Amino acid sequence: MMRTAVALGSNLGDRLANSRSARKAILDLPNVKPPILSSAIYETDPVGCEPEAGKFLNAVLEFDYEGDPLDLLKNLKEIESALGRPPNHPRNISRKIDIDLLYCGDTATDAEELQLPHPRMHLRKFVLQPLADIRPDLVLPGQTKTVRELLAQIGDSGKVVHSIDRW
């Protein structure tokens, strides 16, 4: 069993419903086990998206996972597709749902199809803020600072607008 986290993001359609549907589908996967930790849902400004992109809802889930991280990634891509995200959706363009695998225990891999831990999560306030809700003292694989410390050094980039505590 590995403690595993995923980040959820949505800025098209009913963002809250998209996030809730993704959360339910992830928690229904057969190799996902409790305890489940869920952050608040944060409304955030888009980072690196097309002009006029709408605000995102972002959240992080952490759970125990039993299995191969590549199988989990495949399942997450299937959930994205089922929720209306085309498989070859361009990066940094508005989307109904985005599910990123952040870490899977201490697994470190830099394969083309899967990078663990997520190579940019320590730079993203929209990931660190919700992760700090559930694991502020976690030291991410490959890092020396806690999530709380990484969040504090980011400052105002990737502004978090406000939190929504409704799942």
N, C-alpha and C. Protein backbone atom coordinates (compact mmCIF):
# COMPACT_ATOMS: atom_id res chain seq x y z
N MET A 1 0.84 -1.19 0.00
CA MET A 1 0.00 0.00 0.00
C MET A 1 0.88 1.24 0.00
N MET A 2 0.49 2.20 -0.82
CA MET A 2 1.24 3.46 -0.91
C MET A 2 0.28 4.61 -0.70
N ARG A 3 0.68 5.59 0.12
CA ARG A 3 -0.09 6.82 0.22
C ARG A 3 0.08 7.53 -1.11
N THR A 4 -1.04 7.88 -1.70
CA THR A 4 -1.07 8.41 -3.06
C THR A 4 -1.94 9.65 -3.09
N ALA A 5 -1.55 10.63 -3.90
CA ALA A 5 -2.36 11.85 -4.00
C ALA A 5 -2.59 12.20 -5.46
N VAL A 6 -3.77 12.74 -5.70
CA VAL A 6 -4.13 13.27 -7.02
C VAL A 6 -4.66 14.68 -6.84
N ALA A 7 -4.41 15.51 -7.85
CA ALA A 7 -4.95 16.87 -7.89
C ALA A 7 -6.08 16.89 -8.91
N LEU A 8 -7.16 17.56 -8.56
CA LEU A 8 -8.30 17.72 -9.46
C LEU A 8 -8.42 19.19 -9.84
N GLY A 9 -8.74 19.44 -11.10
CA GLY A 9 -8.97 20.81 -11.55
C GLY A 9 -10.07 20.83 -12.60
N SER A 10 -10.87 21.89 -12.60
CA SER A 10 -11.94 22.05 -13.59
C SER A 10 -12.22 23.54 -13.78
N ASN A 11 -12.31 23.96 -15.07
CA ASN A 11 -12.71 25.34 -15.30
C ASN A 11 -13.72 25.49 -16.44
N LEU A 12 -14.35 24.39 -16.82
CA LEU A 12 -15.41 24.44 -17.83
C LEU A 12 -16.66 23.74 -17.31
N GLY A 13 -17.82 24.24 -17.70
CA GLY A 13 -19.07 23.59 -17.31
C GLY A 13 -19.35 23.78 -15.83
N ASP A 14 -20.05 22.80 -15.26
CA ASP A 14 -20.35 22.82 -13.83
C ASP A 14 -19.12 22.30 -13.09
N ARG A 15 -18.24 23.23 -12.72
CA ARG A 15 -16.94 22.86 -12.17
C ARG A 15 -17.06 22.02 -10.89
N LEU A 16 -18.01 22.37 -10.02
CA LEU A 16 -18.18 21.62 -8.78
C LEU A 16 -18.68 20.21 -9.08
N ALA A 17 -19.65 20.08 -9.97
CA ALA A 17 -20.16 18.74 -10.34
C ALA A 17 -19.05 17.91 -10.99
N ASN A 18 -18.25 18.54 -11.85
CA ASN A 18 -17.14 17.83 -12.49
C ASN A 18 -16.17 17.30 -11.43
N SER A 19 -15.84 18.14 -10.45
CA SER A 19 -14.91 17.75 -9.39
C SER A 19 -15.49 16.64 -8.53
N ARG A 20 -16.77 16.77 -8.19
CA ARG A 20 -17.42 15.73 -7.37
C ARG A 20 -17.47 14.40 -8.12
N SER A 21 -17.79 14.45 -9.41
CA SER A 21 -17.86 13.21 -10.21
C SER A 21 -16.49 12.54 -10.30
N ALA A 22 -15.45 13.35 -10.48
CA ALA A 22 -14.10 12.80 -10.55
C ALA A 22 -13.72 12.17 -9.21
N ARG A 23 -14.00 12.87 -8.12
CA ARG A 23 -13.68 12.34 -6.78
C ARG A 23 -14.37 11.01 -6.55
N LYS A 24 -15.67 10.93 -6.87
CA LYS A 24 -16.42 9.69 -6.66
C LYS A 24 -15.83 8.56 -7.50
N ALA A 25 -15.53 8.85 -8.77
CA ALA A 25 -14.98 7.81 -9.65
C ALA A 25 -13.63 7.31 -9.15
N ILE A 26 -12.80 8.21 -8.65
CA ILE A 26 -11.48 7.81 -8.13
C ILE A 26 -11.66 6.93 -6.89
N LEU A 27 -12.53 7.35 -5.99
CA LEU A 27 -12.71 6.60 -4.75
C LEU A 27 -13.39 5.25 -4.99
N ASP A 28 -14.06 5.11 -6.13
CA ASP A 28 -14.70 3.84 -6.49
C ASP A 28 -13.74 2.86 -7.18
N LEU A 29 -12.52 3.30 -7.50
CA LEU A 29 -11.56 2.38 -8.12
C LEU A 29 -11.23 1.25 -7.15
N PRO A 30 -11.09 0.02 -7.66
CA PRO A 30 -10.92 -1.13 -6.76
C PRO A 30 -9.64 -1.11 -5.92
N ASN A 31 -8.57 -0.48 -6.35
CA ASN A 31 -7.31 -0.49 -5.60
C ASN A 31 -7.13 0.73 -4.72
N VAL A 32 -8.14 1.60 -4.67
CA VAL A 32 -8.10 2.79 -3.81
C VAL A 32 -8.74 2.43 -2.47
N LYS A 33 -7.99 2.64 -1.39
CA LYS A 33 -8.43 2.22 -0.06
C LYS A 33 -8.40 3.40 0.91
N PRO A 34 -9.27 3.35 1.94
CA PRO A 34 -9.21 4.36 2.98
C PRO A 34 -7.94 4.21 3.80
N PRO A 35 -7.56 5.22 4.56
CA PRO A 35 -8.30 6.46 4.79
C PRO A 35 -8.17 7.43 3.61
N ILE A 36 -9.25 8.15 3.36
CA ILE A 36 -9.31 9.15 2.30
C ILE A 36 -9.21 10.53 2.94
N LEU A 37 -8.29 11.34 2.44
CA LEU A 37 -8.20 12.73 2.88
C LEU A 37 -8.58 13.60 1.69
N SER A 38 -9.48 14.55 1.92
CA SER A 38 -9.92 15.47 0.87
C SER A 38 -9.70 16.90 1.34
N SER A 39 -9.04 17.69 0.51
CA SER A 39 -8.86 19.11 0.82
C SER A 39 -10.17 19.85 0.61
N ALA A 40 -10.17 21.10 1.01
CA ALA A 40 -11.23 22.00 0.57
C ALA A 40 -11.09 22.16 -0.94
N ILE A 41 -12.11 22.70 -1.56
CA ILE A 41 -12.06 23.01 -2.99
C ILE A 41 -11.74 24.50 -3.10
N TYR A 42 -10.73 24.83 -3.89
CA TYR A 42 -10.29 26.21 -4.03
C TYR A 42 -10.61 26.74 -5.41
N GLU A 43 -11.09 27.97 -5.46
CA GLU A 43 -11.24 28.65 -6.74
C GLU A 43 -9.96 29.43 -6.99
N THR A 44 -9.35 29.19 -8.15
CA THR A 44 -8.05 29.78 -8.44
C THR A 44 -8.03 30.42 -9.82
N ASP A 45 -7.17 31.40 -9.94
CA ASP A 45 -6.96 32.01 -11.25
C ASP A 45 -6.24 31.01 -12.14
N PRO A 46 -6.56 31.01 -13.45
CA PRO A 46 -5.85 30.10 -14.36
C PRO A 46 -4.38 30.50 -14.48
N VAL A 47 -3.52 29.50 -14.60
CA VAL A 47 -2.08 29.72 -14.73
C VAL A 47 -1.64 29.14 -16.06
N GLY A 48 -1.12 30.00 -16.94
CA GLY A 48 -0.59 29.53 -18.22
C GLY A 48 -1.64 29.08 -19.23
N CYS A 49 -2.90 29.43 -19.01
CA CYS A 49 -3.96 29.03 -19.94
C CYS A 49 -4.16 30.08 -21.03
N GLU A 50 -5.08 29.78 -21.93
CA GLU A 50 -5.40 30.73 -22.99
C GLU A 50 -6.01 32.00 -22.40
N PRO A 51 -5.91 33.13 -23.14
CA PRO A 51 -6.53 34.38 -22.66
C PRO A 51 -8.03 34.16 -22.42
N GLU A 52 -8.55 34.83 -21.42
CA GLU A 52 -9.98 34.76 -21.08
C GLU A 52 -10.41 33.42 -20.49
N ALA A 53 -9.48 32.56 -20.11
CA ALA A 53 -9.85 31.29 -19.47
C ALA A 53 -10.54 31.57 -18.14
N GLY A 54 -11.53 30.77 -17.82
CA GLY A 54 -12.25 30.93 -16.56
C GLY A 54 -11.46 30.42 -15.37
N LYS A 55 -11.92 30.80 -14.19
CA LYS A 55 -11.27 30.35 -12.96
C LYS A 55 -11.44 28.82 -12.79
N PHE A 56 -10.47 28.23 -12.13
CA PHE A 56 -10.50 26.79 -11.86
C PHE A 56 -11.03 26.52 -10.47
N LEU A 57 -11.62 25.35 -10.30
CA LEU A 57 -11.79 24.77 -8.98
C LEU A 57 -10.71 23.71 -8.86
N ASN A 58 -9.95 23.73 -7.77
CA ASN A 58 -8.85 22.79 -7.54
C ASN A 58 -9.00 22.14 -6.18
N ALA A 59 -8.61 20.87 -6.11
CA ALA A 59 -8.63 20.13 -4.84
C ALA A 59 -7.59 19.02 -4.92
N VAL A 60 -7.27 18.45 -3.77
CA VAL A 60 -6.35 17.32 -3.70
C VAL A 60 -7.00 16.23 -2.86
N LEU A 61 -6.85 14.99 -3.33
CA LEU A 61 -7.29 13.81 -2.59
C LEU A 61 -6.07 12.96 -2.28
N GLU A 62 -6.05 12.38 -1.09
CA GLU A 62 -4.99 11.42 -0.76
C GLU A 62 -5.65 10.16 -0.23
N PHE A 63 -5.09 9.02 -0.61
CA PHE A 63 -5.66 7.72 -0.25
C PHE A 63 -4.56 6.66 -0.31
N ASP A 64 -4.87 5.49 0.22
CA ASP A 64 -3.97 4.35 0.07
C ASP A 64 -4.25 3.71 -1.28
N TYR A 65 -3.18 3.34 -1.97
CA TYR A 65 -3.33 2.69 -3.28
C TYR A 65 -2.51 1.41 -3.27
N GLU A 66 -3.13 0.36 -3.77
CA GLU A 66 -2.50 -0.94 -3.83
C GLU A 66 -2.40 -1.33 -5.30
N GLY A 67 -1.19 -1.22 -5.87
CA GLY A 67 -1.04 -1.58 -7.27
C GLY A 67 0.05 -0.77 -7.94
N ASP A 68 0.09 -0.90 -9.26
CA ASP A 68 1.09 -0.24 -10.09
C ASP A 68 0.64 1.19 -10.40
N PRO A 69 1.49 2.20 -10.15
CA PRO A 69 1.11 3.58 -10.45
C PRO A 69 0.71 3.80 -11.91
N LEU A 70 1.30 3.05 -12.84
CA LEU A 70 0.93 3.19 -14.25
C LEU A 70 -0.51 2.74 -14.49
N ASP A 71 -0.95 1.72 -13.76
CA ASP A 71 -2.35 1.28 -13.86
C ASP A 71 -3.28 2.37 -13.32
N LEU A 72 -2.87 3.01 -12.22
CA LEU A 72 -3.68 4.09 -11.67
C LEU A 72 -3.76 5.24 -12.66
N LEU A 73 -2.64 5.60 -13.28
CA LEU A 73 -2.65 6.67 -14.28
C LEU A 73 -3.63 6.34 -15.41
N LYS A 74 -3.60 5.11 -15.88
CA LYS A 74 -4.53 4.68 -16.94
C LYS A 74 -5.98 4.86 -16.48
N ASN A 75 -6.28 4.44 -15.23
CA ASN A 75 -7.63 4.62 -14.68
C ASN A 75 -8.02 6.09 -14.61
N LEU A 76 -7.08 6.95 -14.21
CA LEU A 76 -7.37 8.39 -14.10
C LEU A 76 -7.66 8.98 -15.48
N LYS A 77 -6.92 8.55 -16.49
CA LYS A 77 -7.17 9.03 -17.87
C LYS A 77 -8.55 8.57 -18.35
N GLU A 78 -8.94 7.36 -17.97
CA GLU A 78 -10.28 6.86 -18.34
C GLU A 78 -11.37 7.68 -17.67
N ILE A 79 -11.16 8.07 -16.41
CA ILE A 79 -12.13 8.91 -15.70
C ILE A 79 -12.22 10.27 -16.39
N GLU A 80 -11.07 10.86 -16.74
CA GLU A 80 -11.10 12.15 -17.46
C GLU A 80 -11.91 12.03 -18.74
N SER A 81 -11.67 10.98 -19.49
CA SER A 81 -12.36 10.78 -20.76
C SER A 81 -13.87 10.61 -20.54
N ALA A 82 -14.24 9.82 -19.54
CA ALA A 82 -15.66 9.60 -19.24
C ALA A 82 -16.35 10.90 -18.82
N LEU A 83 -15.58 11.83 -18.24
CA LEU A 83 -16.15 13.11 -17.79
C LEU A 83 -16.04 14.21 -18.84
N GLY A 84 -15.63 13.85 -20.06
CA GLY A 84 -15.68 14.82 -21.15
C GLY A 84 -14.38 15.46 -21.55
N ARG A 85 -13.25 14.93 -21.10
CA ARG A 85 -11.97 15.47 -21.55
C ARG A 85 -11.41 14.54 -22.62
N PRO A 86 -11.22 15.06 -23.83
CA PRO A 86 -10.68 14.22 -24.89
C PRO A 86 -9.26 13.73 -24.54
N PRO A 87 -8.89 12.51 -24.97
CA PRO A 87 -7.58 11.96 -24.61
C PRO A 87 -6.39 12.81 -25.06
N ASN A 88 -6.48 13.48 -26.19
CA ASN A 88 -5.36 14.28 -26.70
C ASN A 88 -5.57 15.77 -26.48
N HIS A 89 -6.22 16.11 -25.38
CA HIS A 89 -6.50 17.52 -25.07
C HIS A 89 -5.18 18.26 -24.90
N PRO A 90 -5.03 19.42 -25.57
CA PRO A 90 -3.77 20.18 -25.45
C PRO A 90 -3.52 20.63 -24.01
N ARG A 91 -2.24 20.71 -23.64
CA ARG A 91 -1.87 21.19 -22.30
C ARG A 91 -2.22 22.66 -22.15
N ASN A 92 -2.55 23.04 -20.92
CA ASN A 92 -2.79 24.44 -20.56
C ASN A 92 -3.92 25.10 -21.33
N ILE A 93 -4.93 24.32 -21.67
CA ILE A 93 -6.14 24.84 -22.30
C ILE A 93 -7.30 24.48 -21.37
N SER A 94 -8.32 25.34 -21.30
CA SER A 94 -9.47 25.10 -20.42
C SER A 94 -9.98 23.68 -20.58
N ARG A 95 -10.47 23.12 -19.46
CA ARG A 95 -10.93 21.73 -19.50
C ARG A 95 -11.99 21.47 -18.43
N LYS A 96 -12.86 20.50 -18.75
CA LYS A 96 -13.89 20.10 -17.80
C LYS A 96 -13.28 19.45 -16.58
N ILE A 97 -12.24 18.63 -16.80
CA ILE A 97 -11.60 17.97 -15.67
C ILE A 97 -10.14 17.71 -16.00
N ASP A 98 -9.32 17.85 -14.99
CA ASP A 98 -7.90 17.54 -15.10
C ASP A 98 -7.56 16.77 -13.83
N ILE A 99 -7.01 15.58 -13.98
CA ILE A 99 -6.61 14.78 -12.82
C ILE A 99 -5.12 14.49 -12.97
N ASP A 100 -4.34 14.99 -12.03
CA ASP A 100 -2.89 14.76 -12.05
C ASP A 100 -2.50 13.86 -10.89
N LEU A 101 -1.73 12.84 -11.21
CA LEU A 101 -1.16 11.97 -10.18
C LEU A 101 0.05 12.69 -9.60
N LEU A 102 -0.01 13.02 -8.32
CA LEU A 102 1.04 13.82 -7.68
C LEU A 102 2.17 12.96 -7.14
N TYR A 103 1.81 11.94 -6.38
CA TYR A 103 2.82 11.02 -5.85
C TYR A 103 2.15 9.70 -5.50
N CYS A 104 2.98 8.68 -5.49
CA CYS A 104 2.55 7.32 -5.16
C CYS A 104 3.62 6.77 -4.22
N GLY A 105 3.44 6.97 -2.92
CA GLY A 105 4.46 6.58 -1.96
C GLY A 105 5.76 7.29 -2.29
N ASP A 106 6.85 6.55 -2.24
CA ASP A 106 8.17 7.11 -2.57
C ASP A 106 8.58 6.79 -4.00
N THR A 107 7.65 6.31 -4.82
CA THR A 107 7.97 5.95 -6.19
C THR A 107 8.53 7.15 -6.94
N ALA A 108 9.66 6.94 -7.57
CA ALA A 108 10.28 7.97 -8.40
C ALA A 108 10.48 7.38 -9.79
N THR A 109 9.88 8.01 -10.79
CA THR A 109 10.02 7.56 -12.17
C THR A 109 9.98 8.76 -13.09
N ASP A 110 10.72 8.69 -14.15
CA ASP A 110 10.77 9.78 -15.12
C ASP A 110 10.52 9.23 -16.53
N ALA A 111 9.57 8.29 -16.63
CA ALA A 111 9.22 7.72 -17.93
C ALA A 111 8.39 8.74 -18.71
N GLU A 112 8.34 8.58 -20.01
CA GLU A 112 7.59 9.53 -20.85
C GLU A 112 6.13 9.59 -20.45
N GLU A 113 5.53 8.42 -20.14
CA GLU A 113 4.10 8.39 -19.84
C GLU A 113 3.77 8.74 -18.38
N LEU A 114 4.78 8.69 -17.49
CA LEU A 114 4.51 8.97 -16.08
C LEU A 114 5.75 9.50 -15.40
N GLN A 115 5.61 10.69 -14.80
CA GLN A 115 6.67 11.26 -13.97
C GLN A 115 6.15 11.33 -12.54
N LEU A 116 6.88 10.68 -11.64
CA LEU A 116 6.54 10.71 -10.22
C LEU A 116 7.79 11.00 -9.42
N PRO A 117 7.70 11.85 -8.42
CA PRO A 117 6.54 12.69 -8.13
C PRO A 117 6.30 13.68 -9.28
N HIS A 118 5.10 14.26 -9.30
CA HIS A 118 4.76 15.22 -10.36
C HIS A 118 5.85 16.29 -10.41
N PRO A 119 6.43 16.53 -11.60
CA PRO A 119 7.61 17.39 -11.68
C PRO A 119 7.40 18.87 -11.36
N ARG A 120 6.16 19.36 -11.37
CA ARG A 120 5.94 20.79 -11.14
C ARG A 120 5.06 21.10 -9.92
N MET A 121 4.64 20.07 -9.19
CA MET A 121 3.69 20.34 -8.11
C MET A 121 4.26 21.25 -7.03
N HIS A 122 5.56 21.19 -6.78
CA HIS A 122 6.16 22.02 -5.72
C HIS A 122 6.22 23.50 -6.11
N LEU A 123 5.88 23.80 -7.37
CA LEU A 123 5.88 25.19 -7.87
C LEU A 123 4.47 25.76 -8.02
N ARG A 124 3.46 24.95 -7.78
CA ARG A 124 2.09 25.33 -8.08
C ARG A 124 1.27 25.57 -6.82
N LYS A 125 0.93 26.82 -6.61
CA LYS A 125 0.13 27.16 -5.43
C LYS A 125 -1.22 26.46 -5.47
N PHE A 126 -1.80 26.29 -6.66
CA PHE A 126 -3.11 25.65 -6.76
C PHE A 126 -3.07 24.16 -6.42
N VAL A 127 -1.87 23.59 -6.31
CA VAL A 127 -1.71 22.22 -5.82
C VAL A 127 -1.28 22.24 -4.36
N LEU A 128 -0.31 23.08 -4.03
CA LEU A 128 0.22 23.10 -2.66
C LEU A 128 -0.81 23.58 -1.64
N GLN A 129 -1.65 24.57 -2.00
CA GLN A 129 -2.64 25.08 -1.04
C GLN A 129 -3.60 23.98 -0.60
N PRO A 130 -4.24 23.25 -1.53
CA PRO A 130 -5.11 22.17 -1.05
C PRO A 130 -4.34 21.03 -0.39
N LEU A 131 -3.14 20.73 -0.88
CA LEU A 131 -2.35 19.67 -0.25
C LEU A 131 -1.99 20.05 1.18
N ALA A 132 -1.74 21.34 1.42
CA ALA A 132 -1.43 21.82 2.77
C ALA A 132 -2.62 21.63 3.72
N ASP A 133 -3.84 21.61 3.20
CA ASP A 133 -5.02 21.34 4.03
C ASP A 133 -4.93 19.98 4.70
N ILE A 134 -4.43 19.01 3.94
CA ILE A 134 -4.49 17.62 4.42
C ILE A 134 -3.14 17.08 4.87
N ARG A 135 -2.02 17.61 4.33
CA ARG A 135 -0.70 17.09 4.68
C ARG A 135 0.34 18.22 4.76
N PRO A 136 0.16 19.20 5.66
CA PRO A 136 1.07 20.36 5.70
C PRO A 136 2.51 19.99 6.04
N ASP A 137 2.71 18.91 6.78
CA ASP A 137 4.05 18.54 7.22
C ASP A 137 4.71 17.48 6.33
N LEU A 138 4.04 17.12 5.25
CA LEU A 138 4.60 16.13 4.32
C LEU A 138 5.81 16.72 3.61
N VAL A 139 6.87 15.95 3.52
CA VAL A 139 8.01 16.30 2.68
C VAL A 139 7.86 15.46 1.42
N LEU A 140 7.62 16.14 0.31
CA LEU A 140 7.39 15.45 -0.96
C LEU A 140 8.66 14.73 -1.42
N PRO A 141 8.50 13.63 -2.13
CA PRO A 141 9.68 12.95 -2.66
C PRO A 141 10.54 13.92 -3.48
N GLY A 142 11.84 13.91 -3.21
CA GLY A 142 12.76 14.78 -3.94
C GLY A 142 12.87 16.19 -3.37
N GLN A 143 12.12 16.50 -2.32
CA GLN A 143 12.15 17.82 -1.70
C GLN A 143 12.75 17.72 -0.30
N THR A 144 13.17 18.86 0.23
CA THR A 144 13.69 18.87 1.60
C THR A 144 12.78 19.68 2.53
N LYS A 145 11.88 20.47 1.95
CA LYS A 145 10.97 21.29 2.74
C LYS A 145 9.59 20.64 2.79
N THR A 146 8.83 21.00 3.83
CA THR A 146 7.46 20.50 3.95
C THR A 146 6.56 21.22 2.94
N VAL A 147 5.38 20.66 2.74
CA VAL A 147 4.39 21.30 1.86
C VAL A 147 4.11 22.71 2.36
N ARG A 148 3.97 22.89 3.67
CA ARG A 148 3.71 24.21 4.24
C ARG A 148 4.84 25.19 3.90
N GLU A 149 6.08 24.74 4.01
CA GLU A 149 7.23 25.60 3.71
C GLU A 149 7.31 25.93 2.21
N LEU A 150 7.03 24.94 1.37
CA LEU A 150 7.02 25.20 -0.08
C LEU A 150 5.95 26.22 -0.44
N LEU A 151 4.78 26.07 0.17
CA LEU A 151 3.67 27.00 -0.07
C LEU A 151 4.06 28.41 0.35
N ALA A 152 4.70 28.54 1.50
CA ALA A 152 5.08 29.87 2.02
C ALA A 152 6.08 30.56 1.10
N GLN A 153 6.95 29.81 0.43
CA GLN A 153 7.95 30.46 -0.42
C GLN A 153 7.42 30.81 -1.81
N ILE A 154 6.23 30.34 -2.17
CA ILE A 154 5.66 30.67 -3.48
C ILE A 154 5.15 32.10 -3.52
N GLY A 155 4.64 32.59 -2.40
CA GLY A 155 4.11 33.95 -2.39
C GLY A 155 2.79 34.04 -3.12
N ASP A 156 2.62 35.07 -3.95
CA ASP A 156 1.33 35.33 -4.57
C ASP A 156 1.16 34.74 -5.97
N SER A 157 2.14 34.04 -6.51
CA SER A 157 1.96 33.49 -7.85
C SER A 157 0.89 32.41 -7.81
N GLY A 158 0.06 32.34 -8.84
CA GLY A 158 -1.01 31.36 -8.86
C GLY A 158 -2.02 31.60 -7.76
N LYS A 159 -2.48 32.83 -7.68
CA LYS A 159 -3.35 33.28 -6.59
C LYS A 159 -4.54 32.34 -6.34
N VAL A 160 -4.76 32.02 -5.09
CA VAL A 160 -5.94 31.27 -4.68
C VAL A 160 -7.00 32.30 -4.32
N VAL A 161 -8.15 32.22 -5.00
CA VAL A 161 -9.19 33.21 -4.81
C VAL A 161 -9.91 32.99 -3.49
N HIS A 162 -10.44 31.82 -3.28
CA HIS A 162 -11.07 31.47 -2.00
C HIS A 162 -11.34 29.98 -1.96
N SER A 163 -11.64 29.48 -0.77
CA SER A 163 -11.93 28.04 -0.66
C SER A 163 -13.42 27.82 -0.55
N ILE A 164 -13.82 26.67 -1.06
CA ILE A 164 -15.22 26.23 -1.01
C ILE A 164 -15.17 24.88 -0.32
N ASP A 165 -15.78 24.75 0.83
CA ASP A 165 -15.69 23.51 1.58
C ASP A 165 -16.82 22.54 1.27
N ARG A 166 -17.33 22.56 0.05
CA ARG A 166 -18.47 21.70 -0.28
C ARG A 166 -18.06 20.59 -1.22
N TRP A 167 -18.08 19.39 -0.76
CA TRP A 167 -17.91 18.23 -1.64
C TRP A 167 -19.29 17.69 -1.88
